[in-house]
Amino acid sequence: MGSVSHQVRFLSSLSASITRPHRLTYTRTFPTTLVQPDGATFIIRYPEPRQIIKLPLNIWTLSEAERKAKIEARKPKKKVVFEEEIEDSFDSTKYLKYLKKKK
């Protein structure tokens, strides 16, 4: 029987950022910008091709006024319907004198 040996590595934050990812199989990853709710951005590896990923904001960490403003902004906007009342005072008989009769 063959034995499978796994290499044990002691990784630190320095070696993980400088060298390659130590895996037996590599998956295709794409560089993606991750935006945290406070505005901080990081470049991460993501399995799907995405340009940017924005993490959701926890509204329970906001003040009461900011929370109400965020919840109000999430509600759908009401569409304004304009009802135009057109008063039609056009009389076509006034322009009959300008028409030429065909012979």
N, C-alpha and C. Protein backbone atom coordinates (compact mmCIF):
# COMPACT_ATOMS: atom_id res chain seq x y z
N MET A 1 0.83 -1.18 0.00
CA MET A 1 0.00 0.00 0.00
C MET A 1 0.88 1.24 0.00
N GLY A 2 0.50 2.18 -0.81
CA GLY A 2 1.25 3.42 -0.85
C GLY A 2 0.74 4.40 0.19
N SER A 3 1.62 5.10 0.77
CA SER A 3 1.20 6.08 1.78
C SER A 3 1.24 7.48 1.17
N VAL A 4 0.30 8.27 1.56
CA VAL A 4 0.23 9.65 1.09
C VAL A 4 0.85 10.53 2.16
N SER A 5 1.88 11.22 1.79
CA SER A 5 2.53 12.08 2.77
C SER A 5 2.11 13.53 2.52
N HIS A 6 1.74 14.19 3.57
CA HIS A 6 1.37 15.59 3.49
C HIS A 6 2.49 16.41 4.10
N GLN A 7 2.83 17.46 3.43
CA GLN A 7 3.89 18.32 3.92
C GLN A 7 3.27 19.30 4.91
N VAL A 8 3.82 19.37 6.10
CA VAL A 8 3.32 20.28 7.12
C VAL A 8 4.15 21.55 7.05
N ARG A 9 3.46 22.65 6.90
CA ARG A 9 4.17 23.93 6.82
C ARG A 9 3.69 24.83 7.94
N PHE A 10 4.60 25.58 8.47
CA PHE A 10 4.26 26.55 9.49
C PHE A 10 4.22 27.91 8.81
N LEU A 11 3.00 28.39 8.59
CA LEU A 11 2.83 29.63 7.85
C LEU A 11 2.67 30.81 8.80
N SER A 12 3.25 31.88 8.39
CA SER A 12 3.02 33.14 9.09
C SER A 12 2.42 34.11 8.09
N SER A 13 2.09 35.28 8.54
CA SER A 13 1.49 36.26 7.64
C SER A 13 2.49 36.70 6.57
N LEU A 14 3.78 36.64 6.87
CA LEU A 14 4.77 37.06 5.88
C LEU A 14 4.93 36.03 4.77
N SER A 15 5.04 34.77 5.14
CA SER A 15 5.25 33.75 4.11
C SER A 15 4.00 33.54 3.28
N ALA A 16 2.84 33.74 3.85
CA ALA A 16 1.60 33.55 3.10
C ALA A 16 1.43 34.64 2.05
N SER A 17 1.93 35.83 2.30
CA SER A 17 1.73 36.91 1.34
C SER A 17 2.83 36.95 0.28
N ILE A 18 3.99 36.36 0.54
CA ILE A 18 5.10 36.45 -0.40
C ILE A 18 5.14 35.25 -1.33
N THR A 19 4.89 34.06 -0.83
CA THR A 19 5.03 32.87 -1.65
C THR A 19 3.70 32.45 -2.26
N ARG A 20 3.76 31.37 -3.01
CA ARG A 20 2.56 30.85 -3.66
C ARG A 20 1.67 30.15 -2.63
N PRO A 21 0.38 29.97 -2.93
CA PRO A 21 -0.45 29.19 -2.01
C PRO A 21 -0.06 27.72 -2.08
N HIS A 22 0.18 27.09 -0.96
CA HIS A 22 0.65 25.71 -0.91
C HIS A 22 -0.54 24.77 -0.87
N ARG A 23 -0.94 24.30 -2.05
CA ARG A 23 -2.07 23.39 -2.17
C ARG A 23 -1.69 22.26 -3.12
N LEU A 24 -2.37 21.14 -2.96
CA LEU A 24 -2.12 20.03 -3.88
C LEU A 24 -2.78 20.30 -5.22
N THR A 25 -3.97 20.86 -5.22
CA THR A 25 -4.65 21.22 -6.47
C THR A 25 -4.91 22.71 -6.44
N TYR A 26 -4.73 23.33 -7.59
CA TYR A 26 -4.93 24.77 -7.68
C TYR A 26 -6.27 25.05 -8.35
N THR A 27 -7.01 25.94 -7.79
CA THR A 27 -8.24 26.38 -8.43
C THR A 27 -7.97 27.72 -9.09
N ARG A 28 -8.70 27.99 -10.15
CA ARG A 28 -8.53 29.27 -10.85
C ARG A 28 -9.16 30.35 -10.01
N THR A 29 -8.38 31.34 -9.62
CA THR A 29 -8.90 32.45 -8.84
C THR A 29 -8.62 33.75 -9.58
N PHE A 30 -9.43 34.73 -9.31
CA PHE A 30 -9.33 36.02 -9.98
C PHE A 30 -9.09 37.10 -8.95
N PRO A 31 -8.26 38.08 -9.26
CA PRO A 31 -8.08 39.18 -8.31
C PRO A 31 -9.34 40.03 -8.25
N THR A 32 -9.83 40.26 -7.06
CA THR A 32 -11.08 40.98 -6.83
C THR A 32 -10.88 41.98 -5.72
N THR A 33 -11.47 43.15 -5.87
CA THR A 33 -11.39 44.18 -4.83
C THR A 33 -12.54 43.97 -3.86
N LEU A 34 -12.21 43.84 -2.58
CA LEU A 34 -13.20 43.67 -1.53
C LEU A 34 -13.32 44.99 -0.78
N VAL A 35 -14.54 45.53 -0.71
CA VAL A 35 -14.77 46.81 -0.03
C VAL A 35 -15.54 46.53 1.25
N GLN A 36 -14.97 46.93 2.38
CA GLN A 36 -15.63 46.76 3.66
C GLN A 36 -16.60 47.92 3.89
N PRO A 37 -17.53 47.79 4.84
CA PRO A 37 -18.51 48.86 5.07
C PRO A 37 -17.89 50.19 5.47
N ASP A 38 -16.70 50.17 6.09
CA ASP A 38 -16.07 51.43 6.48
C ASP A 38 -15.29 52.07 5.34
N GLY A 39 -15.23 51.42 4.18
CA GLY A 39 -14.56 51.99 3.01
C GLY A 39 -13.18 51.41 2.75
N ALA A 40 -12.67 50.57 3.63
CA ALA A 40 -11.36 49.95 3.43
C ALA A 40 -11.45 48.94 2.29
N THR A 41 -10.41 48.89 1.44
CA THR A 41 -10.41 47.98 0.30
C THR A 41 -9.23 47.02 0.40
N PHE A 42 -9.45 45.80 -0.09
CA PHE A 42 -8.43 44.77 -0.12
C PHE A 42 -8.51 44.07 -1.46
N ILE A 43 -7.37 43.59 -1.94
CA ILE A 43 -7.35 42.74 -3.13
C ILE A 43 -7.33 41.30 -2.63
N ILE A 44 -8.33 40.52 -3.03
CA ILE A 44 -8.43 39.13 -2.60
C ILE A 44 -8.49 38.24 -3.83
N ARG A 45 -8.33 36.93 -3.62
CA ARG A 45 -8.53 35.95 -4.69
C ARG A 45 -9.94 35.41 -4.54
N TYR A 46 -10.69 35.40 -5.67
CA TYR A 46 -12.08 34.96 -5.64
C TYR A 46 -12.29 33.97 -6.77
N PRO A 47 -13.04 32.90 -6.55
CA PRO A 47 -13.17 31.87 -7.59
C PRO A 47 -13.97 32.29 -8.82
N GLU A 48 -14.74 33.36 -8.74
CA GLU A 48 -15.51 33.84 -9.89
C GLU A 48 -14.94 35.18 -10.35
N PRO A 49 -14.99 35.47 -11.64
CA PRO A 49 -14.45 36.76 -12.11
C PRO A 49 -15.37 37.92 -11.73
N ARG A 50 -15.02 38.61 -10.69
CA ARG A 50 -15.76 39.78 -10.22
C ARG A 50 -14.78 40.94 -10.15
N GLN A 51 -15.26 42.12 -10.46
CA GLN A 51 -14.41 43.30 -10.37
C GLN A 51 -14.35 43.80 -8.93
N ILE A 52 -15.52 43.87 -8.28
CA ILE A 52 -15.58 44.44 -6.94
C ILE A 52 -16.66 43.71 -6.15
N ILE A 53 -16.42 43.52 -4.86
CA ILE A 53 -17.40 42.95 -3.95
C ILE A 53 -17.52 43.92 -2.78
N LYS A 54 -18.75 44.36 -2.52
CA LYS A 54 -18.98 45.30 -1.42
C LYS A 54 -19.72 44.56 -0.31
N LEU A 55 -19.11 44.54 0.87
CA LEU A 55 -19.73 43.86 2.01
C LEU A 55 -20.89 44.69 2.54
N PRO A 56 -21.94 44.04 3.04
CA PRO A 56 -23.11 44.79 3.52
C PRO A 56 -22.81 45.53 4.82
N LEU A 57 -23.56 46.59 5.02
CA LEU A 57 -23.41 47.43 6.21
C LEU A 57 -24.33 46.90 7.30
N ASN A 58 -23.81 46.75 8.50
CA ASN A 58 -24.63 46.33 9.63
C ASN A 58 -25.33 47.56 10.18
N ILE A 59 -26.65 47.65 9.97
CA ILE A 59 -27.36 48.88 10.36
C ILE A 59 -27.54 48.99 11.87
N TRP A 60 -27.33 47.90 12.59
CA TRP A 60 -27.50 47.96 14.05
C TRP A 60 -26.30 48.61 14.72
N THR A 61 -25.22 48.83 13.99
CA THR A 61 -24.07 49.52 14.57
C THR A 61 -24.15 51.02 14.33
N LEU A 62 -25.15 51.48 13.58
CA LEU A 62 -25.30 52.90 13.28
C LEU A 62 -26.12 53.60 14.36
N SER A 63 -26.08 54.93 14.33
CA SER A 63 -26.93 55.69 15.24
C SER A 63 -28.38 55.62 14.75
N GLU A 64 -29.30 56.05 15.59
CA GLU A 64 -30.72 55.95 15.26
C GLU A 64 -31.08 56.77 14.02
N ALA A 65 -30.52 57.97 13.89
CA ALA A 65 -30.82 58.82 12.73
C ALA A 65 -30.25 58.21 11.45
N GLU A 66 -29.01 57.70 11.51
CA GLU A 66 -28.40 57.08 10.33
C GLU A 66 -29.15 55.82 9.94
N ARG A 67 -29.61 55.05 10.94
CA ARG A 67 -30.36 53.82 10.66
C ARG A 67 -31.67 54.13 9.95
N LYS A 68 -32.39 55.16 10.41
CA LYS A 68 -33.65 55.53 9.76
C LYS A 68 -33.42 56.01 8.34
N ALA A 69 -32.32 56.75 8.13
CA ALA A 69 -32.01 57.25 6.78
C ALA A 69 -31.69 56.09 5.83
N LYS A 70 -30.93 55.09 6.30
CA LYS A 70 -30.59 53.94 5.46
C LYS A 70 -31.83 53.11 5.13
N ILE A 71 -32.70 52.89 6.12
CA ILE A 71 -33.92 52.12 5.89
C ILE A 71 -34.84 52.86 4.93
N GLU A 72 -34.92 54.17 5.06
CA GLU A 72 -35.76 54.97 4.16
C GLU A 72 -35.21 54.95 2.74
N ALA A 73 -33.89 54.91 2.60
CA ALA A 73 -33.29 54.86 1.26
C ALA A 73 -33.51 53.52 0.59
N ARG A 74 -33.71 52.45 1.36
CA ARG A 74 -33.95 51.13 0.79
C ARG A 74 -35.37 50.96 0.24
N LYS A 75 -36.30 51.75 0.75
CA LYS A 75 -37.69 51.63 0.30
C LYS A 75 -37.80 52.08 -1.15
N PRO A 76 -38.68 51.45 -1.90
CA PRO A 76 -38.82 51.86 -3.31
C PRO A 76 -39.40 53.27 -3.41
N LYS A 77 -38.89 53.99 -4.38
CA LYS A 77 -39.35 55.36 -4.61
C LYS A 77 -40.74 55.33 -5.22
N LYS A 78 -41.59 56.24 -4.80
CA LYS A 78 -42.93 56.33 -5.37
C LYS A 78 -42.84 57.09 -6.68
N LYS A 79 -43.44 56.52 -7.70
CA LYS A 79 -43.42 57.15 -9.00
C LYS A 79 -44.47 58.25 -9.04
N VAL A 80 -44.07 59.40 -9.53
CA VAL A 80 -44.98 60.52 -9.64
C VAL A 80 -45.69 60.42 -10.98
N VAL A 81 -47.00 60.41 -10.94
CA VAL A 81 -47.79 60.30 -12.16
C VAL A 81 -48.36 61.68 -12.46
N PHE A 82 -48.02 62.18 -13.63
CA PHE A 82 -48.53 63.48 -14.06
C PHE A 82 -49.80 63.26 -14.86
N GLU A 83 -50.87 63.86 -14.40
CA GLU A 83 -52.12 63.80 -15.14
C GLU A 83 -52.31 65.15 -15.82
N GLU A 84 -52.09 65.14 -17.10
CA GLU A 84 -52.20 66.39 -17.84
C GLU A 84 -53.62 66.52 -18.39
N GLU A 85 -54.22 67.62 -18.07
CA GLU A 85 -55.54 67.92 -18.61
C GLU A 85 -55.34 68.91 -19.75
N ILE A 86 -55.51 68.41 -20.92
CA ILE A 86 -55.29 69.25 -22.10
C ILE A 86 -56.65 69.80 -22.53
N GLU A 87 -56.71 71.11 -22.53
CA GLU A 87 -57.93 71.75 -23.02
C GLU A 87 -57.76 71.95 -24.51
N ASP A 88 -58.58 71.26 -25.25
CA ASP A 88 -58.47 71.31 -26.70
C ASP A 88 -59.44 72.35 -27.24
N SER A 89 -58.88 73.45 -27.68
CA SER A 89 -59.73 74.50 -28.26
C SER A 89 -59.43 74.65 -29.75
N PHE A 90 -58.86 73.63 -30.33
CA PHE A 90 -58.50 73.68 -31.74
C PHE A 90 -59.74 73.46 -32.59
N ASP A 91 -59.92 74.34 -33.55
CA ASP A 91 -61.06 74.23 -34.46
C ASP A 91 -60.49 74.11 -35.86
N SER A 92 -60.69 72.97 -36.47
CA SER A 92 -60.12 72.73 -37.80
C SER A 92 -60.86 73.47 -38.89
N THR A 93 -62.06 73.90 -38.62
CA THR A 93 -62.83 74.61 -39.66
C THR A 93 -62.25 75.98 -39.95
N LYS A 94 -61.47 76.53 -39.04
CA LYS A 94 -60.86 77.84 -39.28
C LYS A 94 -59.79 77.77 -40.36
N TYR A 95 -59.24 76.59 -40.59
CA TYR A 95 -58.14 76.45 -41.53
C TYR A 95 -58.58 75.86 -42.87
N LEU A 96 -59.86 75.69 -43.06
CA LEU A 96 -60.35 75.15 -44.32
C LEU A 96 -60.12 76.10 -45.49
N LYS A 97 -60.06 77.38 -45.20
CA LYS A 97 -59.86 78.36 -46.27
C LYS A 97 -58.46 78.30 -46.87
N TYR A 98 -57.51 77.69 -46.15
CA TYR A 98 -56.14 77.60 -46.66
C TYR A 98 -55.91 76.35 -47.51
N LEU A 99 -56.82 75.43 -47.49
CA LEU A 99 -56.67 74.22 -48.28
C LEU A 99 -57.06 74.47 -49.72
N LYS A 100 -56.30 73.89 -50.60
CA LYS A 100 -56.61 74.01 -52.02
C LYS A 100 -57.40 72.79 -52.45
N LYS A 101 -58.42 73.04 -53.20
CA LYS A 101 -59.22 71.94 -53.70
C LYS A 101 -58.59 71.42 -54.96
N LYS A 102 -58.55 70.11 -55.09
CA LYS A 102 -57.97 69.50 -56.29
C LYS A 102 -59.02 69.50 -57.39
N LYS A 103 -58.58 69.74 -58.59
CA LYS A 103 -59.49 69.80 -59.73
C LYS A 103 -59.65 68.49 -60.39
